[in-house]
Amino acid sequence: MKAIRLYAQVLVDVLSAPDSNFAMTSVLGELADFSKLTIESPLMIRVFDNPVLREDEKQNALKEFSKKMNLSAISEKFISMLVKRNRLGILVEILAEVEVIYVQQGGGLIGEIVSAVPLEGGVVTSIAQAISKKMNKTVRLKEKVDPNLIAGLRVTVGGLTFDGSVRTKLNQVRDSFQ
């Protein structure tokens, strides 16, 4: 969605401006905490997206949340902008896109690792490091679980897919008999 990329780029531009006094990790952490709160309490998004409430009521509610969460002015302004435009529901995606932008600005790639079960500890990190070495670029992998794989992994980075899943192997065997 173009809006997600646009909001993420605006946030990155503001936070990384040469005259910016905002600590990038601090602001992104605050926004992530606020985002987590909206996920854990979907009622919160419904309050801010409620067309019956006036804009000043929504902004007052946001100020109260900001005080309780001790949000910085920039975090509050960004969330306020999303509330005014009824976009608070895409905050999670915006933050994910911010990470993509940072990795890309540094010449790296974002990929996806899909497994049948959640991977333990540093497995994802080890695989990302191995792919980074092979591709000679920094690679960050987002983990996803898909029980349909049965076992094994599927890794997609920069348009390339490395598929070592049992599901794919079974499909290849089936196809060879047809």
C-alpha atoms as a PDB file:
ATOM      1  CA  MET A   1       0.000   0.000   0.000  1.00  0.00           C
ATOM      2  CA  LYS A   2       1.417   3.354  -1.029  1.00  0.00           C
ATOM      3  CA  ALA A   3       0.187   5.102   2.130  1.00  0.00           C
ATOM      4  CA  ILE A   4       2.240   2.806   4.346  1.00  0.00           C
ATOM      5  CA  ARG A   5       5.428   3.534   2.393  1.00  0.00           C
ATOM      6  CA  LEU A   6       4.656   7.270   2.360  1.00  0.00           C
ATOM      7  CA  TYR A   7       4.114   7.538   6.120  1.00  0.00           C
ATOM      8  CA  ALA A   8       7.178   5.396   6.792  1.00  0.00           C
ATOM      9  CA  GLN A   9       9.326   7.564   4.516  1.00  0.00           C
ATOM     10  CA  VAL A  10       8.073  10.748   6.197  1.00  0.00           C
ATOM     11  CA  LEU A  11       8.949   9.322   9.605  1.00  0.00           C
ATOM     12  CA  VAL A  12      12.417   8.258   8.434  1.00  0.00           C
ATOM     13  CA  ASP A  13      13.046  11.656   6.830  1.00  0.00           C
ATOM     14  CA  VAL A  14      12.029  13.559   9.962  1.00  0.00           C
ATOM     15  CA  LEU A  15      14.012  11.356  12.324  1.00  0.00           C
ATOM     16  CA  SER A  16      17.148  11.250  10.192  1.00  0.00           C
ATOM     17  CA  ALA A  17      17.202  14.941   9.225  1.00  0.00           C
ATOM     18  CA  PRO A  18      20.583  16.546  10.016  1.00  0.00           C
ATOM     19  CA  ASP A  19      18.983  19.046  12.415  1.00  0.00           C
ATOM     20  CA  SER A  20      16.798  16.427  14.110  1.00  0.00           C
ATOM     21  CA  ASN A  21      17.111  16.228  17.873  1.00  0.00           C
ATOM     22  CA  PHE A  22      15.137  12.997  18.085  1.00  0.00           C
ATOM     23  CA  ALA A  23      16.708   9.698  19.043  1.00  0.00           C
ATOM     24  CA  MET A  24      15.691   7.296  16.296  1.00  0.00           C
ATOM     25  CA  THR A  25      15.583   4.148  18.411  1.00  0.00           C
ATOM     26  CA  SER A  26      13.740   5.909  21.216  1.00  0.00           C
ATOM     27  CA  VAL A  27      10.980   7.260  18.967  1.00  0.00           C
ATOM     28  CA  LEU A  28      10.589   3.986  17.083  1.00  0.00           C
ATOM     29  CA  GLY A  29      10.429   2.170  20.436  1.00  0.00           C
ATOM     30  CA  GLU A  30       7.684   4.490  21.653  1.00  0.00           C
ATOM     31  CA  LEU A  31       5.711   4.006  18.455  1.00  0.00           C
ATOM     32  CA  ALA A  32       6.180   0.233  18.699  1.00  0.00           C
ATOM     33  CA  ASP A  33       4.897   0.290  22.294  1.00  0.00           C
ATOM     34  CA  PHE A  34       1.874   2.344  21.248  1.00  0.00           C
ATOM     35  CA  SER A  35       1.293  -0.015  18.328  1.00  0.00           C
ATOM     36  CA  LYS A  36       1.456  -3.009  20.665  1.00  0.00           C
ATOM     37  CA  LEU A  37      -1.144  -1.354  22.852  1.00  0.00           C
ATOM     38  CA  THR A  38      -3.497  -0.950  19.864  1.00  0.00           C
ATOM     39  CA  ILE A  39      -3.050  -4.623  18.996  1.00  0.00           C
ATOM     40  CA  GLU A  40      -3.706  -5.765  22.546  1.00  0.00           C
ATOM     41  CA  SER A  41      -6.706  -3.448  22.826  1.00  0.00           C
ATOM     42  CA  PRO A  42      -8.512  -3.198  19.477  1.00  0.00           C
ATOM     43  CA  LEU A  43     -11.112  -1.022  21.202  1.00  0.00           C
ATOM     44  CA  MET A  44      -8.502   1.735  21.190  1.00  0.00           C
ATOM     45  CA  ILE A  45      -8.420   1.895  17.388  1.00  0.00           C
ATOM     46  CA  ARG A  46     -12.217   1.881  17.291  1.00  0.00           C
ATOM     47  CA  VAL A  47     -12.246   4.877  19.629  1.00  0.00           C
ATOM     48  CA  PHE A  48      -9.818   6.820  17.458  1.00  0.00           C
ATOM     49  CA  ASP A  49     -11.583   5.811  14.232  1.00  0.00           C
ATOM     50  CA  ASN A  50     -15.059   6.515  15.626  1.00  0.00           C
ATOM     51  CA  PRO A  51     -16.793   9.051  13.356  1.00  0.00           C
ATOM     52  CA  VAL A  52     -19.155  10.039  16.180  1.00  0.00           C
ATOM     53  CA  LEU A  53     -16.319  11.484  18.263  1.00  0.00           C
ATOM     54  CA  ARG A  54     -15.185  14.988  17.393  1.00  0.00           C
ATOM     55  CA  GLU A  55     -11.568  15.526  16.398  1.00  0.00           C
ATOM     56  CA  ASP A  56     -10.806  17.492  19.573  1.00  0.00           C
ATOM     57  CA  GLU A  57     -12.143  14.599  21.699  1.00  0.00           C
ATOM     58  CA  LYS A  58      -9.882  12.157  19.874  1.00  0.00           C
ATOM     59  CA  GLN A  59      -6.885  14.454  20.298  1.00  0.00           C
ATOM     60  CA  ASN A  60      -7.620  14.899  24.019  1.00  0.00           C
ATOM     61  CA  ALA A  61      -7.792  11.123  24.434  1.00  0.00           C
ATOM     62  CA  LEU A  62      -4.486  10.825  22.592  1.00  0.00           C
ATOM     63  CA  LYS A  63      -2.899  13.414  24.888  1.00  0.00           C
ATOM     64  CA  GLU A  64      -3.985  11.366  27.901  1.00  0.00           C
ATOM     65  CA  PHE A  65      -2.484   8.196  26.406  1.00  0.00           C
ATOM     66  CA  SER A  66       0.676  10.140  25.581  1.00  0.00           C
ATOM     67  CA  LYS A  67       1.036  11.353  29.162  1.00  0.00           C
ATOM     68  CA  LYS A  68       0.503   7.892  30.613  1.00  0.00           C
ATOM     69  CA  MET A  69       2.960   6.346  28.163  1.00  0.00           C
ATOM     70  CA  ASN A  70       5.412   9.256  28.491  1.00  0.00           C
ATOM     71  CA  LEU A  71       5.593   9.667  24.694  1.00  0.00           C
ATOM     72  CA  SER A  72       7.907  12.235  23.150  1.00  0.00           C
ATOM     73  CA  ALA A  73       6.429  15.165  21.246  1.00  0.00           C
ATOM     74  CA  ILE A  74       7.399  13.681  17.878  1.00  0.00           C
ATOM     75  CA  SER A  75       5.745  10.337  18.661  1.00  0.00           C
ATOM     76  CA  GLU A  76       2.587  12.099  19.778  1.00  0.00           C
ATOM     77  CA  LYS A  77       2.554  14.275  16.638  1.00  0.00           C
ATOM     78  CA  PHE A  78       3.024  11.275  14.364  1.00  0.00           C
ATOM     79  CA  ILE A  79       0.241   9.322  16.065  1.00  0.00           C
ATOM     80  CA  SER A  80      -1.947  12.433  16.003  1.00  0.00           C
ATOM     81  CA  MET A  81      -1.438  12.710  12.244  1.00  0.00           C
ATOM     82  CA  LEU A  82      -2.465   9.073  11.823  1.00  0.00           C
ATOM     83  CA  VAL A  83      -5.547   9.595  13.996  1.00  0.00           C
ATOM     84  CA  LYS A  84      -6.601  12.689  11.999  1.00  0.00           C
ATOM     85  CA  ARG A  85      -6.347  10.700   8.780  1.00  0.00           C
ATOM     86  CA  ASN A  86      -7.969   7.531  10.212  1.00  0.00           C
ATOM     87  CA  ARG A  87      -4.740   5.597   9.606  1.00  0.00           C
ATOM     88  CA  LEU A  88      -3.912   4.420  13.113  1.00  0.00           C
ATOM     89  CA  GLY A  89      -4.778   0.875  12.062  1.00  0.00           C
ATOM     90  CA  ILE A  90      -1.713   0.723   9.778  1.00  0.00           C
ATOM     91  CA  LEU A  91       0.849   1.775  12.388  1.00  0.00           C
ATOM     92  CA  VAL A  92       2.261  -1.766  12.639  1.00  0.00           C
ATOM     93  CA  GLU A  93       2.812  -1.878   8.873  1.00  0.00           C
ATOM     94  CA  ILE A  94       4.357   1.603   8.880  1.00  0.00           C
ATOM     95  CA  LEU A  95       6.916   0.557  11.490  1.00  0.00           C
ATOM     96  CA  ALA A  96       7.756  -2.579   9.500  1.00  0.00           C
ATOM     97  CA  GLU A  97       8.244  -0.426   6.404  1.00  0.00           C
ATOM     98  CA  VAL A  98      10.535   1.926   8.361  1.00  0.00           C
ATOM     99  CA  GLU A  99      12.813  -1.050   9.004  1.00  0.00           C
ATOM    100  CA  VAL A 100      12.763  -1.936   5.297  1.00  0.00           C
ATOM    101  CA  ILE A 101      13.709   1.637   4.369  1.00  0.00           C
ATOM    102  CA  TYR A 102      16.628   1.664   6.816  1.00  0.00           C
ATOM    103  CA  VAL A 103      17.984  -1.639   5.620  1.00  0.00           C
ATOM    104  CA  GLN A 104      17.655  -0.546   1.986  1.00  0.00           C
ATOM    105  CA  GLN A 105      19.310   2.813   2.668  1.00  0.00           C
ATOM    106  CA  GLY A 106      22.242   0.895   4.096  1.00  0.00           C
ATOM    107  CA  GLY A 107      22.450  -1.202   0.928  1.00  0.00           C
ATOM    108  CA  GLY A 108      20.888  -4.267   2.536  1.00  0.00           C
ATOM    109  CA  LEU A 109      17.913  -6.472   1.826  1.00  0.00           C
ATOM    110  CA  ILE A 110      14.861  -7.611   3.752  1.00  0.00           C
ATOM    111  CA  GLY A 111      13.807 -11.200   3.237  1.00  0.00           C
ATOM    112  CA  GLU A 112      11.422 -13.728   4.636  1.00  0.00           C
ATOM    113  CA  ILE A 113      12.094 -17.083   6.210  1.00  0.00           C
ATOM    114  CA  VAL A 114       9.148 -19.454   6.382  1.00  0.00           C
ATOM    115  CA  SER A 115       9.210 -22.601   8.498  1.00  0.00           C
ATOM    116  CA  ALA A 116       6.676 -25.205   9.545  1.00  0.00           C
ATOM    117  CA  VAL A 117       7.290 -24.469  13.232  1.00  0.00           C
ATOM    118  CA  PRO A 118       8.780 -21.498  15.078  1.00  0.00           C
ATOM    119  CA  LEU A 119      12.572 -21.542  14.861  1.00  0.00           C
ATOM    120  CA  GLU A 120      14.709 -21.638  17.985  1.00  0.00           C
ATOM    121  CA  GLY A 121      17.013 -18.919  19.243  1.00  0.00           C
ATOM    122  CA  GLY A 122      19.631 -17.760  16.814  1.00  0.00           C
ATOM    123  CA  VAL A 123      18.666 -19.957  13.858  1.00  0.00           C
ATOM    124  CA  VAL A 124      17.162 -17.039  11.915  1.00  0.00           C
ATOM    125  CA  THR A 125      20.180 -14.866  12.715  1.00  0.00           C
ATOM    126  CA  SER A 126      22.590 -17.596  11.611  1.00  0.00           C
ATOM    127  CA  ILE A 127      20.749 -18.088   8.331  1.00  0.00           C
ATOM    128  CA  ALA A 128      20.607 -14.319   7.745  1.00  0.00           C
ATOM    129  CA  GLN A 129      24.359 -14.078   8.347  1.00  0.00           C
ATOM    130  CA  ALA A 130      25.048 -16.939   5.942  1.00  0.00           C
ATOM    131  CA  ILE A 131      22.916 -15.354   3.219  1.00  0.00           C
ATOM    132  CA  SER A 132      24.482 -11.953   3.914  1.00  0.00           C
ATOM    133  CA  LYS A 133      27.907 -13.460   3.368  1.00  0.00           C
ATOM    134  CA  LYS A 134      26.807 -15.206   0.163  1.00  0.00           C
ATOM    135  CA  MET A 135      25.086 -12.092  -1.258  1.00  0.00           C
ATOM    136  CA  ASN A 136      27.704  -9.679   0.104  1.00  0.00           C
ATOM    137  CA  LYS A 137      24.927  -7.489   1.557  1.00  0.00           C
ATOM    138  CA  THR A 138      23.304  -7.105   4.928  1.00  0.00           C
ATOM    139  CA  VAL A 139      20.206  -9.290   5.050  1.00  0.00           C
ATOM    140  CA  ARG A 140      17.429  -9.129   7.622  1.00  0.00           C
ATOM    141  CA  LEU A 141      14.915 -11.941   7.696  1.00  0.00           C
ATOM    142  CA  LYS A 142      11.336 -11.713   8.891  1.00  0.00           C
ATOM    143  CA  GLU A 143      10.148 -14.994  10.338  1.00  0.00           C
ATOM    144  CA  LYS A 144       6.829 -16.554   9.350  1.00  0.00           C
ATOM    145  CA  VAL A 145       5.335 -19.926  10.328  1.00  0.00           C
ATOM    146  CA  ASP A 146       3.401 -21.994   7.771  1.00  0.00           C
ATOM    147  CA  PRO A 147       2.444 -25.493   8.987  1.00  0.00           C
ATOM    148  CA  ASN A 148       1.653 -26.474   5.375  1.00  0.00           C
ATOM    149  CA  LEU A 149       5.387 -26.740   4.704  1.00  0.00           C
ATOM    150  CA  ILE A 150       5.398 -29.908   6.843  1.00  0.00           C
ATOM    151  CA  ALA A 151       9.127 -29.414   7.611  1.00  0.00           C
ATOM    152  CA  GLY A 152      12.133 -27.553   6.269  1.00  0.00           C
ATOM    153  CA  LEU A 153      12.495 -23.903   5.293  1.00  0.00           C
ATOM    154  CA  ARG A 154      11.732 -21.482   2.497  1.00  0.00           C
ATOM    155  CA  VAL A 155      13.831 -18.310   2.364  1.00  0.00           C
ATOM    156  CA  THR A 156      13.117 -15.444  -0.036  1.00  0.00           C
ATOM    157  CA  VAL A 157      15.578 -12.570  -0.376  1.00  0.00           C
ATOM    158  CA  GLY A 158      15.945 -10.046  -3.170  1.00  0.00           C
ATOM    159  CA  GLY A 159      13.664 -11.954  -5.529  1.00  0.00           C
ATOM    160  CA  LEU A 160      15.494 -15.255  -4.981  1.00  0.00           C
ATOM    161  CA  THR A 161      13.814 -18.152  -3.210  1.00  0.00           C
ATOM    162  CA  PHE A 162      15.691 -20.980  -1.560  1.00  0.00           C
ATOM    163  CA  ASP A 163      13.114 -23.694  -0.968  1.00  0.00           C
ATOM    164  CA  GLY A 164      14.100 -26.669   1.156  1.00  0.00           C
ATOM    165  CA  SER A 165      10.620 -27.482   2.414  1.00  0.00           C
ATOM    166  CA  VAL A 166       9.290 -31.007   2.536  1.00  0.00           C
ATOM    167  CA  ARG A 167       6.078 -29.803   0.850  1.00  0.00           C
ATOM    168  CA  THR A 168       8.064 -28.672  -2.214  1.00  0.00           C
ATOM    169  CA  LYS A 169      10.070 -31.897  -2.300  1.00  0.00           C
ATOM    170  CA  LEU A 170       6.858 -33.949  -2.184  1.00  0.00           C
ATOM    171  CA  ASN A 171       5.358 -31.848  -4.982  1.00  0.00           C
ATOM    172  CA  GLN A 172       8.485 -32.402  -7.101  1.00  0.00           C
ATOM    173  CA  VAL A 173       8.294 -36.167  -6.576  1.00  0.00           C
ATOM    174  CA  ARG A 174       4.572 -36.144  -7.456  1.00  0.00           C
ATOM    175  CA  ASP A 175       5.249 -34.094 -10.601  1.00  0.00           C
ATOM    176  CA  SER A 176       7.989 -36.462 -11.720  1.00  0.00           C
ATOM    177  CA  PHE A 177       5.460 -39.347 -11.771  1.00  0.00           C
ATOM    178  CA  GLN A 178       2.941 -37.476 -13.911  1.00  0.00           C
END
